[in-house]
PDB file of N, CA and C in Angstrom:
ATOM      1  N   UNK A   1      -9.344  14.013  -7.423  1.00  0.00           N
ATOM      2  CA  UNK A   1      -9.125  13.006  -6.591  1.00  0.00           C
ATOM      3  C   UNK A   1      -7.901  13.202  -5.742  1.00  0.00           C
ATOM      4  N   UNK A   2      -7.034  14.382  -6.529  1.00  0.00           N
ATOM      5  CA  UNK A   2      -5.744  14.359  -5.322  1.00  0.00           C
ATOM      6  C   UNK A   2      -5.699  14.485  -4.505  1.00  0.00           C
ATOM      7  N   UNK A   3      -6.392  15.614  -4.128  1.00  0.00           N
ATOM      8  CA  UNK A   3      -6.464  16.320  -2.691  1.00  0.00           C
ATOM      9  C   UNK A   3      -7.002  15.830  -1.846  1.00  0.00           C
ATOM     10  N   UNK A   4      -7.874  14.652  -2.104  1.00  0.00           N
ATOM     11  CA  UNK A   4      -9.180  14.089  -1.384  1.00  0.00           C
ATOM     12  C   UNK A   4      -8.539  12.326  -0.857  1.00  0.00           C
ATOM     13  N   UNK A   5      -7.493  12.817  -1.286  1.00  0.00           N
ATOM     14  CA  UNK A   5      -6.695  10.731  -1.070  1.00  0.00           C
ATOM     15  C   UNK A   5      -6.100  11.109   0.346  1.00  0.00           C
ATOM     16  N   UNK A   6      -6.433  10.003   1.233  1.00  0.00           N
ATOM     17  CA  UNK A   6      -5.505  10.409   2.067  1.00  0.00           C
ATOM     18  C   UNK A   6      -4.133  10.018   2.274  1.00  0.00           C
ATOM     19  N   UNK A   7      -3.428  10.646   3.158  1.00  0.00           N
ATOM     20  CA  UNK A   7      -1.980  10.225   2.636  1.00  0.00           C
ATOM     21  C   UNK A   7      -1.144   9.804   4.229  1.00  0.00           C
ATOM     22  N   UNK A   8      -0.006   9.076   3.910  1.00  0.00           N
ATOM     23  CA  UNK A   8       0.726   8.482   4.796  1.00  0.00           C
ATOM     24  C   UNK A   8       1.924   8.752   4.505  1.00  0.00           C
ATOM     25  N   UNK A   9       2.848   9.163   5.068  1.00  0.00           N
ATOM     26  CA  UNK A   9       3.882   9.476   5.387  1.00  0.00           C
ATOM     27  C   UNK A   9       5.029   8.481   6.248  1.00  0.00           C
ATOM     28  N   UNK A  10       5.646   7.702   5.228  1.00  0.00           N
ATOM     29  CA  UNK A  10       6.566   6.526   6.079  1.00  0.00           C
ATOM     30  C   UNK A  10       8.056   6.751   5.458  1.00  0.00           C
ATOM     31  N   UNK A  11       8.700   6.100   6.646  1.00  0.00           N
ATOM     32  CA  UNK A  11      10.511   6.376   6.075  1.00  0.00           C
ATOM     33  C   UNK A  11      10.967   5.182   5.161  1.00  0.00           C
ATOM     34  N   UNK A  12      12.001   5.881   4.205  1.00  0.00           N
ATOM     35  CA  UNK A  12      11.885   5.146   3.081  1.00  0.00           C
ATOM     36  C   UNK A  12      13.196   3.792   3.632  1.00  0.00           C
ATOM     37  N   UNK A  13      13.450   4.038   4.680  1.00  0.00           N
ATOM     38  CA  UNK A  13      14.283   2.675   5.424  1.00  0.00           C
ATOM     39  C   UNK A  13      13.039   1.939   5.624  1.00  0.00           C
ATOM     40  N   UNK A  14      12.197   1.371   6.056  1.00  0.00           N
ATOM     41  CA  UNK A  14      11.021   0.971   5.969  1.00  0.00           C
ATOM     42  C   UNK A  14      10.723  -0.250   4.922  1.00  0.00           C
ATOM     43  N   UNK A  15      11.081   0.527   3.786  1.00  0.00           N
ATOM     44  CA  UNK A  15      11.303  -0.388   2.460  1.00  0.00           C
ATOM     45  C   UNK A  15      12.500  -0.476   1.683  1.00  0.00           C
ATOM     46  N   UNK A  16      13.405  -0.404   2.740  1.00  0.00           N
ATOM     47  CA  UNK A  16      14.783  -1.082   1.824  1.00  0.00           C
ATOM     48  C   UNK A  16      15.118  -2.401   1.445  1.00  0.00           C
ATOM     49  N   UNK A  17      14.560  -2.937   2.823  1.00  0.00           N
ATOM     50  CA  UNK A  17      14.023  -4.455   2.166  1.00  0.00           C
ATOM     51  C   UNK A  17      13.100  -5.091   2.272  1.00  0.00           C
ATOM     52  N   UNK A  18      11.909  -4.099   2.500  1.00  0.00           N
ATOM     53  CA  UNK A  18      10.748  -4.560   1.665  1.00  0.00           C
ATOM     54  C   UNK A  18       9.811  -5.006   2.806  1.00  0.00           C
ATOM     55  N   UNK A  19       8.574  -4.492   2.542  1.00  0.00           N
ATOM     56  CA  UNK A  19       7.532  -4.583   3.781  1.00  0.00           C
ATOM     57  C   UNK A  19       6.392  -5.132   3.274  1.00  0.00           C
ATOM     58  N   UNK A  20       5.668  -6.327   3.896  1.00  0.00           N
ATOM     59  CA  UNK A  20       4.807  -7.097   3.496  1.00  0.00           C
ATOM     60  C   UNK A  20       3.654  -6.571   3.045  1.00  0.00           C
ATOM     61  N   UNK A  21       2.959  -6.974   2.377  1.00  0.00           N
ATOM     62  CA  UNK A  21       1.754  -6.014   1.797  1.00  0.00           C
ATOM     63  C   UNK A  21       0.584  -5.969   2.979  1.00  0.00           C
ATOM     64  N   UNK A  22       0.629  -6.913   3.603  1.00  0.00           N
ATOM     65  CA  UNK A  22      -0.425  -7.026   4.987  1.00  0.00           C
ATOM     66  C   UNK A  22      -0.369  -6.351   6.164  1.00  0.00           C
ATOM     67  N   UNK A  23       1.004  -6.020   5.966  1.00  0.00           N
ATOM     68  CA  UNK A  23       1.739  -4.999   7.098  1.00  0.00           C
ATOM     69  C   UNK A  23       1.550  -3.386   6.669  1.00  0.00           C
ATOM     70  N   UNK A  24       1.648  -3.250   5.409  1.00  0.00           N
ATOM     71  CA  UNK A  24       1.581  -2.069   4.858  1.00  0.00           C
ATOM     72  C   UNK A  24      -0.023  -1.684   5.119  1.00  0.00           C
ATOM     73  N   UNK A  25      -0.965  -2.933   4.784  1.00  0.00           N
ATOM     74  CA  UNK A  25      -2.152  -2.439   5.041  1.00  0.00           C
ATOM     75  C   UNK A  25      -2.414  -1.985   6.384  1.00  0.00           C
ATOM     76  N   UNK A  26      -2.095  -2.606   7.208  1.00  0.00           N
ATOM     77  CA  UNK A  26      -2.315  -2.443   8.291  1.00  0.00           C
ATOM     78  C   UNK A  26      -1.395  -1.342   9.051  1.00  0.00           C
ATOM     79  N   UNK A  27      -0.207  -0.856   8.459  1.00  0.00           N
ATOM     80  CA  UNK A  27       0.392   0.252   8.748  1.00  0.00           C
ATOM     81  C   UNK A  27      -0.342   1.452   8.403  1.00  0.00           C
ATOM     82  N   UNK A  28      -1.324   1.409   7.559  1.00  0.00           N
ATOM     83  CA  UNK A  28      -1.978   2.478   7.040  1.00  0.00           C
ATOM     84  C   UNK A  28      -3.354   2.770   7.330  1.00  0.00           C
ATOM     85  N   UNK A  29      -4.061   1.551   8.409  1.00  0.00           N
ATOM     86  CA  UNK A  29      -5.038   1.335   8.760  1.00  0.00           C
ATOM     87  C   UNK A  29      -6.174   1.306   7.605  1.00  0.00           C
ATOM     88  N   UNK A  30      -5.642   0.499   6.582  1.00  0.00           N
ATOM     89  CA  UNK A  30      -6.628   0.034   5.352  1.00  0.00           C
ATOM     90  C   UNK A  30      -7.420  -1.310   5.817  1.00  0.00           C
ATOM     91  N   UNK A  31      -7.132  -1.871   7.236  1.00  0.00           N
ATOM     92  CA  UNK A  31      -7.675  -3.068   7.250  1.00  0.00           C
ATOM     93  C   UNK A  31      -7.903  -3.459   8.848  1.00  0.00           C
ATOM     94  N   UNK A  32      -8.862  -3.942   9.530  1.00  0.00           N
ATOM     95  CA  UNK A  32      -8.969  -3.730  10.760  1.00  0.00           C
ATOM     96  C   UNK A  32      -8.043  -5.090  11.325  1.00  0.00           C
ATOM     97  N   UNK A  33      -8.036  -6.195  10.487  1.00  0.00           N
ATOM     98  CA  UNK A  33      -7.141  -7.851  10.908  1.00  0.00           C
ATOM     99  C   UNK A  33      -5.916  -8.036   9.610  1.00  0.00           C
ATOM    100  N   UNK A  34      -5.341  -8.523  10.350  1.00  0.00           N
ATOM    101  CA  UNK A  34      -4.446  -9.619   9.388  1.00  0.00           C
ATOM    102  C   UNK A  34      -5.012 -10.411   8.385  1.00  0.00           C
ATOM    103  N   UNK A  35      -6.055 -10.959   9.078  1.00  0.00           N
ATOM    104  CA  UNK A  35      -7.195 -12.133   8.085  1.00  0.00           C
ATOM    105  C   UNK A  35      -8.166 -11.430   7.455  1.00  0.00           C
ATOM    106  N   UNK A  36      -8.155  -9.804   7.926  1.00  0.00           N
ATOM    107  CA  UNK A  36      -9.531  -9.454   6.597  1.00  0.00           C
ATOM    108  C   UNK A  36      -8.037  -9.045   5.754  1.00  0.00           C
ATOM    109  N   UNK A  37      -6.747  -8.800   5.639  1.00  0.00           N
ATOM    110  CA  UNK A  37      -6.195  -8.446   4.809  1.00  0.00           C
ATOM    111  C   UNK A  37      -5.481  -9.700   3.937  1.00  0.00           C
ATOM    112  N   UNK A  38      -5.715 -10.861   4.650  1.00  0.00           N
ATOM    113  CA  UNK A  38      -5.682 -11.612   3.414  1.00  0.00           C
ATOM    114  C   UNK A  38      -6.515 -12.184   2.633  1.00  0.00           C
ATOM    115  N   UNK A  39      -7.760 -12.467   3.282  1.00  0.00           N
ATOM    116  CA  UNK A  39      -8.530 -12.471   2.708  1.00  0.00           C
ATOM    117  C   UNK A  39      -8.868 -11.290   1.215  1.00  0.00           C
ATOM    118  N   UNK A  40      -8.793 -10.332   1.679  1.00  0.00           N
ATOM    119  CA  UNK A  40      -9.140  -8.714   0.642  1.00  0.00           C
ATOM    120  C   UNK A  40      -8.258  -9.479  -0.618  1.00  0.00           C
ATOM    121  N   UNK A  41      -6.839  -9.710   0.000  1.00  0.00           N
ATOM    122  CA  UNK A  41      -5.930  -9.606  -1.266  1.00  0.00           C
ATOM    123  C   UNK A  41      -6.382 -11.098  -2.255  1.00  0.00           C
ATOM    124  N   UNK A  42      -6.212 -12.377  -1.305  1.00  0.00           N
ATOM    125  CA  UNK A  42      -6.560 -13.182  -1.996  1.00  0.00           C
ATOM    126  C   UNK A  42      -7.732 -13.166  -3.040  1.00  0.00           C
ATOM    127  N   UNK A  43      -9.034 -12.292  -2.778  1.00  0.00           N
ATOM    128  CA  UNK A  43      -9.787 -12.066  -3.432  1.00  0.00           C
ATOM    129  C   UNK A  43      -9.791 -10.794  -4.566  1.00  0.00           C
ATOM    130  N   UNK A  44      -8.324 -10.603  -4.584  1.00  0.00           N
ATOM    131  CA  UNK A  44      -8.179  -9.811  -5.467  1.00  0.00           C
ATOM    132  C   UNK A  44      -8.631  -8.114  -5.085  1.00  0.00           C
ATOM    133  N   UNK A  45      -8.781  -7.793  -3.965  1.00  0.00           N
ATOM    134  CA  UNK A  45      -9.624  -6.443  -3.891  1.00  0.00           C
ATOM    135  C   UNK A  45      -8.135  -5.194  -3.318  1.00  0.00           C
ATOM    136  N   UNK A  46      -7.144  -5.439  -3.988  1.00  0.00           N
ATOM    137  CA  UNK A  46      -6.074  -4.856  -3.515  1.00  0.00           C
ATOM    138  C   UNK A  46      -5.097  -4.607  -4.511  1.00  0.00           C
ATOM    139  N   UNK A  47      -4.809  -2.988  -4.778  1.00  0.00           N
ATOM    140  CA  UNK A  47      -4.241  -2.985  -6.064  1.00  0.00           C
ATOM    141  C   UNK A  47      -3.014  -1.876  -5.723  1.00  0.00           C
ATOM    142  N   UNK A  48      -1.854  -2.000  -6.337  1.00  0.00           N
ATOM    143  CA  UNK A  48      -0.786  -0.847  -5.583  1.00  0.00           C
ATOM    144  C   UNK A  48      -0.175  -0.554  -7.182  1.00  0.00           C
ATOM    145  N   UNK A  49      -0.531   1.010  -7.197  1.00  0.00           N
ATOM    146  CA  UNK A  49      -0.130   1.713  -8.116  1.00  0.00           C
ATOM    147  C   UNK A  49      -0.726   0.911 -10.007  1.00  0.00           C
ATOM    148  N   UNK A  50      -2.194   0.767  -9.410  1.00  0.00           N
ATOM    149  CA  UNK A  50      -2.854   0.245 -10.792  1.00  0.00           C
ATOM    150  C   UNK A  50      -2.664  -1.662 -10.805  1.00  0.00           C
ATOM    151  N   UNK A  51      -1.693  -2.070  -9.949  1.00  0.00           N
ATOM    152  CA  UNK A  51      -1.392  -3.262 -10.319  1.00  0.00           C
ATOM    153  C   UNK A  51      -2.163  -4.381  -9.217  1.00  0.00           C
ATOM    154  N   UNK A  52      -3.030  -5.525  -9.536  1.00  0.00           N
ATOM    155  CA  UNK A  52      -2.979  -6.148  -8.886  1.00  0.00           C
ATOM    156  C   UNK A  52      -2.380  -6.983  -7.613  1.00  0.00           C
ATOM    157  N   UNK A  53      -2.629  -6.865  -6.312  1.00  0.00           N
ATOM    158  CA  UNK A  53      -1.493  -7.425  -5.742  1.00  0.00           C
ATOM    159  C   UNK A  53      -2.330  -9.062  -5.763  1.00  0.00           C
ATOM    160  N   UNK A  54      -1.974 -10.750  -5.628  1.00  0.00           N
ATOM    161  CA  UNK A  54      -2.466 -11.320  -5.753  1.00  0.00           C
ATOM    162  C   UNK A  54      -2.290 -13.080  -4.624  1.00  0.00           C
ATOM    163  N   UNK A  55      -0.969 -12.080  -3.939  1.00  0.00           N
ATOM    164  CA  UNK A  55      -0.378 -13.262  -2.860  1.00  0.00           C
ATOM    165  C   UNK A  55      -0.251 -11.757  -1.779  1.00  0.00           C
ATOM    166  N   UNK A  56      -0.779 -12.948  -0.107  1.00  0.00           N
ATOM    167  CA  UNK A  56      -0.595 -11.866   0.323  1.00  0.00           C
ATOM    168  C   UNK A  56       1.205 -11.787   1.249  1.00  0.00           C
ATOM    169  N   UNK A  57       1.930 -12.500   0.274  1.00  0.00           N
ATOM    170  CA  UNK A  57       3.317 -12.508   0.766  1.00  0.00           C
ATOM    171  C   UNK A  57       4.265 -11.361  -0.051  1.00  0.00           C
ATOM    172  N   UNK A  58       3.282 -10.632  -0.404  1.00  0.00           N
ATOM    173  CA  UNK A  58       3.987  -9.918  -1.471  1.00  0.00           C
ATOM    174  C   UNK A  58       4.459  -8.650  -0.973  1.00  0.00           C
ATOM    175  N   UNK A  59       5.855  -8.794  -1.132  1.00  0.00           N
ATOM    176  CA  UNK A  59       6.722  -7.103  -0.697  1.00  0.00           C
ATOM    177  C   UNK A  59       6.606  -6.277  -1.340  1.00  0.00           C
ATOM    178  N   UNK A  60       6.323  -5.246  -0.930  1.00  0.00           N
ATOM    179  CA  UNK A  60       6.264  -3.819  -1.083  1.00  0.00           C
ATOM    180  C   UNK A  60       7.384  -2.967  -1.021  1.00  0.00           C
ATOM    181  N   UNK A  61       8.543  -2.513  -1.915  1.00  0.00           N
ATOM    182  CA  UNK A  61      10.038  -2.142  -1.619  1.00  0.00           C
ATOM    183  C   UNK A  61      10.017  -0.898  -2.013  1.00  0.00           C
ATOM    184  N   UNK A  62      10.901  -0.129  -2.339  1.00  0.00           N
ATOM    185  CA  UNK A  62      11.501   1.283  -2.847  1.00  0.00           C
ATOM    186  C   UNK A  62      11.256   1.081  -4.264  1.00  0.00           C
ATOM    187  N   UNK A  63      11.492   0.490  -4.999  1.00  0.00           N
ATOM    188  CA  UNK A  63      11.456   0.175  -6.418  1.00  0.00           C
ATOM    189  C   UNK A  63       9.904   0.536  -7.103  1.00  0.00           C
ATOM    190  N   UNK A  64       9.301   0.152  -6.002  1.00  0.00           N
ATOM    191  CA  UNK A  64       7.518   0.419  -5.861  1.00  0.00           C
ATOM    192  C   UNK A  64       7.086   1.505  -6.217  1.00  0.00           C
ATOM    193  N   UNK A  65       7.579   2.656  -5.789  1.00  0.00           N
ATOM    194  CA  UNK A  65       7.438   3.811  -5.175  1.00  0.00           C
ATOM    195  C   UNK A  65       7.856   4.615  -6.486  1.00  0.00           C
ATOM    196  N   UNK A  66       7.084   5.832  -6.897  1.00  0.00           N
ATOM    197  CA  UNK A  66       7.141   6.286  -8.249  1.00  0.00           C
ATOM    198  C   UNK A  66       7.156   7.826  -8.030  1.00  0.00           C
ATOM    199  N   UNK A  67       8.497   8.529  -7.830  1.00  0.00           N
ATOM    200  CA  UNK A  67       8.454   9.848  -7.638  1.00  0.00           C
ATOM    201  C   UNK A  67       8.477  10.020  -5.793  1.00  0.00           C
ATOM    202  N   UNK A  68       8.533   8.635  -5.035  1.00  0.00           N
ATOM    203  CA  UNK A  68       8.347   8.814  -3.464  1.00  0.00           C
ATOM    204  C   UNK A  68       6.725   8.482  -3.431  1.00  0.00           C
ATOM    205  N   UNK A  69       5.800   8.298  -3.956  1.00  0.00           N
ATOM    206  CA  UNK A  69       4.257   8.291  -4.311  1.00  0.00           C
ATOM    207  C   UNK A  69       4.372   6.470  -4.378  1.00  0.00           C
ATOM    208  N   UNK A  70       3.641   6.136  -3.632  1.00  0.00           N
ATOM    209  CA  UNK A  70       2.419   5.086  -3.589  1.00  0.00           C
ATOM    210  C   UNK A  70       1.002   4.852  -3.464  1.00  0.00           C
ATOM    211  N   UNK A  71       0.362   4.054  -4.137  1.00  0.00           N
ATOM    212  CA  UNK A  71      -0.939   4.133  -4.285  1.00  0.00           C
ATOM    213  C   UNK A  71      -1.850   3.240  -4.051  1.00  0.00           C
ATOM    214  N   UNK A  72      -2.151   3.144  -3.107  1.00  0.00           N
ATOM    215  CA  UNK A  72      -3.031   1.774  -2.824  1.00  0.00           C
ATOM    216  C   UNK A  72      -4.821   1.816  -3.230  1.00  0.00           C
ATOM    217  N   UNK A  73      -5.315   0.775  -3.677  1.00  0.00           N
ATOM    218  CA  UNK A  73      -6.639   1.323  -3.782  1.00  0.00           C
ATOM    219  C   UNK A  73      -7.124  -0.215  -3.163  1.00  0.00           C
ATOM    220  N   UNK A  74      -7.894   0.112  -2.573  1.00  0.00           N
ATOM    221  CA  UNK A  74      -8.774  -1.195  -1.508  1.00  0.00           C
ATOM    222  C   UNK A  74     -10.223  -1.432  -2.422  1.00  0.00           C
ATOM    223  N   UNK A  75     -10.587  -2.109  -2.752  1.00  0.00           N
ATOM    224  CA  UNK A  75     -11.878  -2.761  -3.250  1.00  0.00           C
ATOM    225  C   UNK A  75     -11.995  -1.604  -4.412  1.00  0.00           C
ATOM    226  N   UNK A  76     -13.152  -1.006  -4.943  1.00  0.00           N
ATOM    227  CA  UNK A  76     -13.344   0.140  -6.016  1.00  0.00           C
ATOM    228  C   UNK A  76     -12.932   1.752  -5.178  1.00  0.00           C
ATOM    229  N   UNK A  77     -13.219   1.991  -4.483  1.00  0.00           N
ATOM    230  CA  UNK A  77     -13.390   3.256  -4.275  1.00  0.00           C
ATOM    231  C   UNK A  77     -12.673   3.751  -2.812  1.00  0.00           C
ATOM    232  N   UNK A  78     -11.507   2.973  -2.089  1.00  0.00           N
ATOM    233  CA  UNK A  78     -11.263   3.324  -1.123  1.00  0.00           C
ATOM    234  C   UNK A  78      -9.475   3.794  -1.359  1.00  0.00           C
ATOM    235  N   UNK A  79      -9.189   4.924  -1.623  1.00  0.00           N
ATOM    236  CA  UNK A  79      -7.749   5.212  -2.013  1.00  0.00           C
ATOM    237  C   UNK A  79      -6.772   5.564  -0.779  1.00  0.00           C
ATOM    238  N   UNK A  80      -5.480   4.981  -0.705  1.00  0.00           N
ATOM    239  CA  UNK A  80      -4.286   6.035   0.053  1.00  0.00           C
ATOM    240  C   UNK A  80      -3.409   5.746  -0.395  1.00  0.00           C
ATOM    241  N   UNK A  81      -2.604   6.921  -0.278  1.00  0.00           N
ATOM    242  CA  UNK A  81      -1.372   7.261  -0.512  1.00  0.00           C
ATOM    243  C   UNK A  81      -0.473   7.163   0.401  1.00  0.00           C
ATOM    244  N   UNK A  82       0.763   6.694   0.078  1.00  0.00           N
ATOM    245  CA  UNK A  82       2.026   6.050   1.124  1.00  0.00           C
ATOM    246  C   UNK A  82       3.170   7.307  -0.083  1.00  0.00           C
ATOM    247  N   UNK A  83       3.265   7.933   1.176  1.00  0.00           N
ATOM    248  CA  UNK A  83       4.764   8.952   0.786  1.00  0.00           C
ATOM    249  C   UNK A  83       6.007   8.749   1.278  1.00  0.00           C
ATOM    250  N   UNK A  84       6.887   8.580   0.713  1.00  0.00           N
ATOM    251  CA  UNK A  84       8.155   8.980   1.396  1.00  0.00           C
ATOM    252  C   UNK A  84       8.611  10.408   1.075  1.00  0.00           C
ATOM    253  N   UNK A  85       8.661  11.049   1.941  1.00  0.00           N
ATOM    254  CA  UNK A  85       9.303  12.521   2.197  1.00  0.00           C
ATOM    255  C   UNK A  85      10.634  12.788   1.501  1.00  0.00           C
ATOM    256  N   UNK A  86      10.600  13.712   1.257  1.00  0.00           N
ATOM    257  CA  UNK A  86      11.719  14.087   0.314  1.00  0.00           C
ATOM    258  C   UNK A  86      12.594  13.154  -1.119  1.00  0.00           C
ATOM    259  N   UNK A  87      11.438  12.577  -1.405  1.00  0.00           N
ATOM    260  CA  UNK A  87      11.689  11.359  -2.688  1.00  0.00           C
ATOM    261  C   UNK A  87      11.119  11.978  -4.006  1.00  0.00           C
ATOM    262  N   UNK A  88      10.067  13.052  -3.769  1.00  0.00           N
ATOM    263  CA  UNK A  88       9.815  13.510  -4.961  1.00  0.00           C
ATOM    264  C   UNK A  88      10.286  14.837  -5.597  1.00  0.00           C
TER     265      UNK A  88
END
């Protein structure tokens, strides 16, 4: 799975004050609209590093990254890796 997971590199500065989960999903092109993102989160269709996100106001921060990497799961089959370059 490791090589086939799409990856987006984002600046660590972006996460120092936190990024809303909907904004992050939009930034990595996993959702077509904010409304779709809210629906997806409310229905339990989003996981970050294996943890289900249940509130669309959830903030993603640098501490959520493990070795500079954050794994987003949308539904059962769609995965996306967010990487902060230079942190691994």
